[in-house]
Protein backbone atom coordinates (compact mmCIF):
# COMPACT_ATOMS: atom_id res chain seq x y z
CA UNK A 1 -0.01 -0.02 0.01
CA UNK A 2 2.83 2.38 0.66
CA UNK A 3 4.09 1.93 -2.81
CA UNK A 4 0.56 2.64 -4.13
CA UNK A 5 0.32 5.92 -2.24
CA UNK A 6 3.80 6.83 -3.48
CA UNK A 7 2.67 6.04 -6.97
CA UNK A 8 -0.45 8.12 -6.55
CA UNK A 9 1.71 11.01 -5.20
CA UNK A 10 4.06 10.70 -8.13
CA UNK A 11 1.16 10.57 -10.64
CA UNK A 12 -0.36 13.61 -8.95
CA UNK A 13 2.97 15.37 -9.07
CA UNK A 14 3.39 14.39 -12.68
CA UNK A 15 -0.08 15.82 -13.63
CA UNK A 16 0.83 19.01 -11.78
CA UNK A 17 4.13 19.27 -13.56
CA UNK A 18 2.44 18.62 -16.93
CA UNK A 19 -0.04 21.52 -16.18
CA UNK A 20 2.83 23.78 -15.29
CA UNK A 21 4.63 22.75 -18.50
CA UNK A 22 1.50 23.46 -20.55
CA UNK A 23 1.12 26.87 -18.88
CA UNK A 24 4.79 27.68 -19.49
CA UNK A 25 4.49 26.58 -23.16
CA UNK A 26 1.44 28.80 -23.56
CA UNK A 27 3.34 31.69 -21.92
CA UNK A 28 6.29 31.10 -24.28
CA UNK A 29 3.95 31.10 -27.33
CA UNK A 30 2.30 34.32 -26.17
CA UNK A 31 5.64 35.93 -25.55
CA UNK A 32 6.97 34.90 -28.97
CA UNK A 33 3.83 36.40 -30.66
CA UNK A 34 4.44 39.60 -28.70
CA UNK A 35 8.06 39.70 -29.67
CA UNK A 36 7.12 39.27 -33.32
CA UNK A 37 4.55 42.02 -33.09
CA UNK A 38 7.04 44.32 -31.31
CA UNK A 39 9.70 43.56 -33.98
CA UNK A 40 7.15 44.61 -36.68
CA UNK A 41 6.35 47.81 -34.74
CA UNK A 42 10.07 48.54 -34.28
CA UNK A 43 10.63 48.19 -38.04
CA UNK A 44 7.73 50.48 -38.80
CA UNK A 45 8.88 53.07 -36.25
CA UNK A 46 12.48 52.86 -37.57
CA UNK A 47 11.22 53.46 -41.14
CA UNK A 48 9.12 56.41 -39.92
CA UNK A 49 12.15 57.71 -38.04
CA UNK A 50 14.27 57.63 -41.23
CA UNK A 51 11.50 59.47 -43.15
CA UNK A 52 11.36 62.13 -40.49
CA UNK A 53 15.17 62.45 -40.43
CA UNK A 54 15.19 63.00 -44.19
CA UNK A 55 12.41 65.62 -43.77
CA UNK A 56 14.23 67.42 -40.97
CA UNK A 57 17.21 67.93 -43.26
CA UNK A 58 14.92 70.09 -45.55
CA UNK A 59 13.99 72.47 -42.75
CA UNK A 60 17.15 74.73 -42.61
CA UNK A 61 17.01 75.63 -46.34
CA UNK A 62 13.33 76.29 -46.01
CA UNK A 63 14.00 78.58 -42.99
CA UNK A 64 16.57 80.45 -44.99
CA UNK A 65 14.16 80.85 -47.89
CA UNK A 66 11.42 82.14 -45.52
CA UNK A 67 13.81 84.74 -44.09
CA UNK A 68 14.71 85.83 -47.59
CA UNK A 69 11.11 86.13 -48.55
CA UNK A 70 10.34 88.17 -45.39
CA UNK A 71 13.20 90.54 -46.19
CA UNK A 72 11.85 90.89 -49.74
CA UNK A 73 8.34 91.40 -48.44
CA UNK A 74 9.40 94.13 -46.09
CA UNK A 75 11.43 95.88 -48.74
CA UNK A 76 8.47 95.76 -51.13
CA UNK A 77 6.15 97.00 -48.41
CA UNK A 78 8.45 99.93 -47.76
CA UNK A 79 8.70 100.77 -51.48
CA UNK A 80 4.95 100.47 -51.78
CA UNK A 81 4.50 102.93 -48.93
CA UNK A 82 6.90 105.36 -50.54
CA UNK A 83 5.12 105.08 -53.88
CA UNK A 84 1.75 105.54 -52.22
CA UNK A 85 3.01 108.75 -50.60
CA UNK A 86 4.42 109.85 -53.94
CA UNK A 87 1.08 109.27 -55.68
CA UNK A 88 -0.78 111.19 -52.99
CA UNK A 89 1.62 114.08 -53.32
CA UNK A 90 1.23 114.02 -57.11
CA UNK A 91 -2.57 113.84 -56.76
CA UNK A 92 -2.49 116.93 -54.54
CA UNK A 93 -0.10 118.72 -56.97
CA UNK A 94 -2.49 117.92 -59.82
CA UNK A 95 -5.37 119.33 -57.84
CA UNK A 96 -3.37 122.53 -57.20
CA UNK A 97 -2.47 122.82 -60.84
CA UNK A 98 -6.17 122.42 -61.85
CA UNK A 99 -7.10 125.09 -59.38
CA UNK A 100 -4.44 127.49 -60.69
CA UNK A 101 -5.47 126.68 -64.28
CA UNK A 102 -9.05 127.48 -63.47
CA UNK A 103 -8.07 130.77 -61.89
CA UNK A 104 -6.02 131.64 -64.97
CA UNK A 105 -8.87 130.83 -67.28
CA UNK A 106 -11.26 132.84 -65.15
CA UNK A 107 -8.91 135.81 -65.05
CA UNK A 108 -8.21 135.73 -68.73
CA UNK A 109 -11.94 135.49 -69.63
CA UNK A 110 -13.08 138.03 -67.06
CA UNK A 111 -15.50 135.45 -65.46
CA UNK A 112 -15.82 135.60 -61.77
CA UNK A 113 -15.86 132.27 -59.85
CA UNK A 114 -18.71 132.04 -57.35
CA UNK A 115 -17.35 128.93 -55.68
CA UNK A 116 -17.62 128.44 -51.98
CA UNK A 117 -14.73 127.16 -49.85
CA UNK A 118 -16.22 123.65 -49.95
CA UNK A 119 -15.97 123.31 -53.78
CA UNK A 120 -12.40 124.65 -54.13
CA UNK A 121 -10.32 121.92 -55.74
CA UNK A 122 -13.31 120.02 -56.97
CA UNK A 123 -14.71 119.90 -60.48
CA UNK A 124 -17.59 122.21 -59.53
CA UNK A 125 -17.65 125.62 -61.23
CA UNK A 126 -20.14 128.41 -60.75
CA UNK A 127 -19.77 131.43 -62.91
CA UNK A 128 -21.13 134.83 -62.59
CA UNK A 129 -20.88 137.64 -65.16
CA UNK A 130 -18.69 140.57 -64.35
């Protein structure tokens, strides 16, 4: 009987060890799948990193081009402002010349201008006979 109980203990222990072995094999299988998945992810991230590294190399020339464009923009903006001032001055000069021309015409024809202060410099003429 003693050998029978030892045999039963050994069979029980064997079944226990077989269960542990099965669990360990399942764990190994799960870990191998995880490792394969992580290897794929690592390859994808490495490829993405290479792409980003190549794209980062293009940034300094683009920054330089942006700075150049900003300098050109500011220069053009300043030139535009100067030209706008010049145009305004010329417009006012033309208005003055028109006014002087009208006065010369009126003086030479002997017609008196009945303009009010509001219409001076505008294309509104009122004439009265002398």
